[in-house]
């Protein structure tokens, strides 16, 4: 009986840990909305020669793909300009 409980607990622990690892390592695929909005507010100060035409104001556009933007590949968070 004790062996069955141990195996069940081990299985449950392993499953939970696997799910957590998958969720933590899953890329978001896009920058965060509030970071995108902040970048758009800064755009006029960096865009003196209109080289930031790809900085798109369309809701949901991925600012991690914009020229001059660097994002963390795992979290999708802005890490550099």
N, C-alpha and C. Protein backbone atom coordinates (compact mmCIF):
# COMPACT_ATOMS: atom_id res chain seq x y z
N UNK A 1 0.82 -1.20 0.00
CA UNK A 1 0.00 0.00 0.00
C UNK A 1 0.86 1.26 0.00
N UNK A 2 1.94 1.26 0.79
CA UNK A 2 2.83 2.41 0.87
C UNK A 2 3.53 2.65 -0.47
N UNK A 3 3.88 1.57 -1.17
CA UNK A 3 4.54 1.68 -2.47
C UNK A 3 3.62 2.35 -3.48
N UNK A 4 2.36 2.04 -3.47
CA UNK A 4 1.38 2.63 -4.39
C UNK A 4 1.25 4.13 -4.13
N UNK A 5 1.18 4.53 -2.86
CA UNK A 5 1.09 5.94 -2.51
C UNK A 5 2.33 6.69 -2.97
N UNK A 6 3.51 6.08 -2.75
CA UNK A 6 4.76 6.70 -3.16
C UNK A 6 4.80 6.90 -4.68
N UNK A 7 4.42 5.88 -5.44
CA UNK A 7 4.41 5.99 -6.90
C UNK A 7 3.44 7.06 -7.37
N UNK A 8 2.28 7.14 -6.72
CA UNK A 8 1.28 8.14 -7.10
C UNK A 8 1.80 9.55 -6.81
N UNK A 9 2.42 9.76 -5.67
CA UNK A 9 2.99 11.06 -5.33
C UNK A 9 4.13 11.43 -6.26
N UNK A 10 4.97 10.46 -6.60
CA UNK A 10 6.07 10.72 -7.52
C UNK A 10 5.53 11.12 -8.90
N UNK A 11 4.51 10.41 -9.38
CA UNK A 11 3.90 10.72 -10.67
C UNK A 11 3.30 12.13 -10.65
N UNK A 12 2.58 12.45 -9.60
CA UNK A 12 1.95 13.77 -9.49
C UNK A 12 3.00 14.87 -9.45
N UNK A 13 4.05 14.69 -8.66
CA UNK A 13 5.12 15.67 -8.56
C UNK A 13 5.81 15.86 -9.91
N UNK A 14 6.12 14.78 -10.58
CA UNK A 14 6.78 14.84 -11.88
C UNK A 14 5.90 15.56 -12.91
N UNK A 15 4.61 15.28 -12.90
CA UNK A 15 3.69 15.91 -13.85
C UNK A 15 3.60 17.41 -13.60
N UNK A 16 3.46 17.81 -12.35
CA UNK A 16 3.37 19.24 -12.02
C UNK A 16 4.65 19.97 -12.40
N UNK A 17 5.79 19.39 -12.09
CA UNK A 17 7.06 20.02 -12.45
C UNK A 17 7.21 20.14 -13.96
N UNK A 18 6.80 19.15 -14.70
CA UNK A 18 6.88 19.20 -16.16
C UNK A 18 6.02 20.32 -16.73
N UNK A 19 4.83 20.45 -16.22
CA UNK A 19 3.92 21.51 -16.69
C UNK A 19 4.51 22.88 -16.37
N UNK A 20 5.04 23.06 -15.18
CA UNK A 20 5.63 24.34 -14.80
C UNK A 20 6.83 24.69 -15.67
N UNK A 21 7.66 23.72 -15.97
CA UNK A 21 8.80 23.98 -16.84
C UNK A 21 8.38 24.37 -18.25
N UNK A 22 7.38 23.72 -18.76
CA UNK A 22 6.88 24.06 -20.09
C UNK A 22 6.30 25.46 -20.11
N UNK A 23 5.51 25.80 -19.12
CA UNK A 23 4.89 27.13 -19.08
C UNK A 23 5.92 28.23 -18.89
N UNK A 24 6.92 28.00 -18.06
CA UNK A 24 7.92 29.03 -17.82
C UNK A 24 8.80 29.25 -19.03
N UNK A 25 9.09 28.20 -19.78
CA UNK A 25 9.97 28.33 -20.93
C UNK A 25 9.26 28.66 -22.22
N UNK A 26 7.95 28.74 -22.20
CA UNK A 26 7.20 29.00 -23.43
C UNK A 26 7.34 30.45 -23.85
N UNK A 27 7.80 30.70 -25.07
CA UNK A 27 7.91 32.08 -25.52
C UNK A 27 6.53 32.70 -25.72
N UNK A 28 6.45 33.99 -25.46
CA UNK A 28 5.17 34.67 -25.57
C UNK A 28 4.84 35.00 -27.03
N UNK A 29 5.86 35.19 -27.85
CA UNK A 29 5.63 35.47 -29.25
C UNK A 29 5.41 36.92 -29.56
N UNK A 30 5.30 37.78 -28.58
CA UNK A 30 5.09 39.20 -28.84
C UNK A 30 5.46 40.01 -27.61
N UNK A 31 5.73 41.28 -27.84
CA UNK A 31 6.03 42.16 -26.71
C UNK A 31 4.75 42.46 -25.93
N UNK A 32 4.94 42.95 -24.74
CA UNK A 32 3.79 43.29 -23.90
C UNK A 32 3.15 44.58 -24.40
N UNK A 33 1.84 44.66 -24.29
CA UNK A 33 1.09 45.81 -24.81
C UNK A 33 1.55 47.13 -24.20
N UNK A 34 1.77 47.17 -22.90
CA UNK A 34 2.17 48.45 -22.29
C UNK A 34 3.59 48.85 -22.73
N UNK A 35 4.44 47.90 -23.05
CA UNK A 35 5.76 48.23 -23.57
C UNK A 35 5.65 48.76 -25.00
N UNK A 36 4.76 48.17 -25.80
CA UNK A 36 4.55 48.64 -27.18
C UNK A 36 4.03 50.07 -27.17
N UNK A 37 3.10 50.37 -26.29
CA UNK A 37 2.53 51.72 -26.21
C UNK A 37 3.60 52.72 -25.77
N UNK A 38 4.44 52.34 -24.80
CA UNK A 38 5.52 53.22 -24.36
C UNK A 38 6.51 53.50 -25.49
N UNK A 39 6.84 52.48 -26.27
CA UNK A 39 7.74 52.68 -27.41
C UNK A 39 7.14 53.63 -28.43
N UNK A 40 5.85 53.51 -28.68
CA UNK A 40 5.19 54.41 -29.63
C UNK A 40 5.21 55.85 -29.13
N UNK A 41 5.16 56.04 -27.82
CA UNK A 41 5.24 57.39 -27.27
C UNK A 41 6.65 57.96 -27.41
N UNK A 42 7.67 57.09 -27.43
CA UNK A 42 9.05 57.52 -27.61
C UNK A 42 9.45 57.68 -29.08
N UNK A 43 8.69 57.11 -29.97
CA UNK A 43 9.03 57.10 -31.40
C UNK A 43 9.39 58.48 -31.96
N UNK A 44 8.65 59.54 -31.67
CA UNK A 44 9.01 60.85 -32.26
C UNK A 44 10.40 61.33 -31.88
N UNK A 45 10.91 60.92 -30.74
CA UNK A 45 12.23 61.36 -30.30
C UNK A 45 13.36 60.61 -30.99
N UNK A 46 13.09 59.40 -31.48
CA UNK A 46 14.10 58.58 -32.14
C UNK A 46 13.95 58.53 -33.66
N UNK A 47 12.91 59.10 -34.19
CA UNK A 47 12.55 58.91 -35.60
C UNK A 47 12.77 60.17 -36.42
N UNK A 48 13.91 60.79 -36.30
CA UNK A 48 14.16 62.06 -36.98
C UNK A 48 14.30 61.92 -38.49
N UNK A 49 14.70 60.77 -38.96
CA UNK A 49 14.87 60.54 -40.41
C UNK A 49 13.89 59.50 -40.94
N UNK A 50 12.81 59.28 -40.21
CA UNK A 50 11.74 58.35 -40.58
C UNK A 50 12.25 56.92 -40.82
N UNK A 51 13.27 56.53 -40.07
CA UNK A 51 13.79 55.17 -40.22
C UNK A 51 13.02 54.15 -39.37
N UNK A 52 12.05 54.59 -38.59
CA UNK A 52 11.29 53.67 -37.74
C UNK A 52 9.87 53.49 -38.26
N UNK A 53 9.75 53.40 -39.56
CA UNK A 53 8.42 53.24 -40.17
C UNK A 53 7.76 51.92 -39.77
N UNK A 54 8.57 50.92 -39.39
CA UNK A 54 7.98 49.64 -39.00
C UNK A 54 7.44 49.64 -37.57
N UNK A 55 7.66 50.72 -36.82
CA UNK A 55 7.05 50.85 -35.49
C UNK A 55 5.58 51.15 -35.70
N UNK A 56 4.77 50.13 -35.69
CA UNK A 56 3.36 50.21 -36.09
C UNK A 56 2.44 50.43 -34.90
N UNK A 57 1.49 51.35 -35.06
CA UNK A 57 0.53 51.66 -33.98
C UNK A 57 -0.64 50.69 -33.94
N UNK A 58 -0.69 49.73 -34.84
CA UNK A 58 -1.78 48.76 -34.85
C UNK A 58 -1.73 47.93 -33.57
N UNK A 59 -2.85 47.86 -32.89
CA UNK A 59 -2.92 47.10 -31.63
C UNK A 59 -2.49 45.66 -31.86
N UNK A 60 -1.64 45.18 -31.00
CA UNK A 60 -1.20 43.79 -31.08
C UNK A 60 0.01 43.57 -31.96
N UNK A 61 0.52 44.62 -32.64
CA UNK A 61 1.71 44.41 -33.46
C UNK A 61 2.89 44.09 -32.54
N UNK A 62 3.77 43.24 -33.00
CA UNK A 62 4.85 42.71 -32.19
C UNK A 62 6.04 43.65 -32.22
N UNK A 63 6.23 44.42 -31.15
CA UNK A 63 7.33 45.39 -31.13
C UNK A 63 8.69 44.70 -31.05
N UNK A 64 8.73 43.42 -30.71
CA UNK A 64 10.00 42.70 -30.69
C UNK A 64 10.57 42.53 -32.10
N UNK A 65 9.76 42.74 -33.09
CA UNK A 65 10.22 42.62 -34.48
C UNK A 65 10.56 43.98 -35.10
N UNK A 66 10.41 45.05 -34.35
CA UNK A 66 10.67 46.39 -34.86
C UNK A 66 12.16 46.66 -34.93
N UNK A 67 12.54 47.53 -35.85
CA UNK A 67 13.94 47.94 -36.00
C UNK A 67 14.41 48.63 -34.72
N UNK A 68 15.60 48.20 -34.23
CA UNK A 68 16.20 48.82 -33.07
C UNK A 68 15.70 48.33 -31.73
N UNK A 69 14.83 47.33 -31.72
CA UNK A 69 14.26 46.82 -30.48
C UNK A 69 14.84 45.45 -30.19
N UNK A 70 15.20 45.22 -28.94
CA UNK A 70 15.70 43.91 -28.52
C UNK A 70 14.82 43.39 -27.39
N UNK A 71 14.35 42.18 -27.54
CA UNK A 71 13.49 41.55 -26.52
C UNK A 71 14.10 40.24 -26.05
N UNK A 72 13.76 39.86 -24.84
CA UNK A 72 14.14 38.57 -24.31
C UNK A 72 13.37 37.51 -25.10
N UNK A 73 14.07 36.51 -25.61
CA UNK A 73 13.42 35.50 -26.46
C UNK A 73 12.50 34.58 -25.70
N UNK A 74 12.66 34.49 -24.39
CA UNK A 74 11.80 33.63 -23.60
C UNK A 74 10.56 34.36 -23.10
N UNK A 75 10.76 35.53 -22.52
CA UNK A 75 9.65 36.25 -21.89
C UNK A 75 8.95 37.22 -22.83
N UNK A 76 9.63 37.66 -23.89
CA UNK A 76 9.05 38.66 -24.77
C UNK A 76 9.17 40.07 -24.21
N UNK A 77 9.84 40.24 -23.08
CA UNK A 77 9.99 41.56 -22.46
C UNK A 77 11.05 42.37 -23.18
N UNK A 78 10.82 43.65 -23.29
CA UNK A 78 11.77 44.58 -23.88
C UNK A 78 13.02 44.65 -23.01
N UNK A 79 14.20 44.48 -23.64
CA UNK A 79 15.45 44.54 -22.88
C UNK A 79 16.44 45.54 -23.45
N UNK A 80 16.15 46.11 -24.62
CA UNK A 80 17.10 47.07 -25.18
C UNK A 80 16.56 47.84 -26.35
N UNK A 81 17.14 49.03 -26.51
CA UNK A 81 16.84 49.88 -27.67
C UNK A 81 18.10 50.09 -28.48
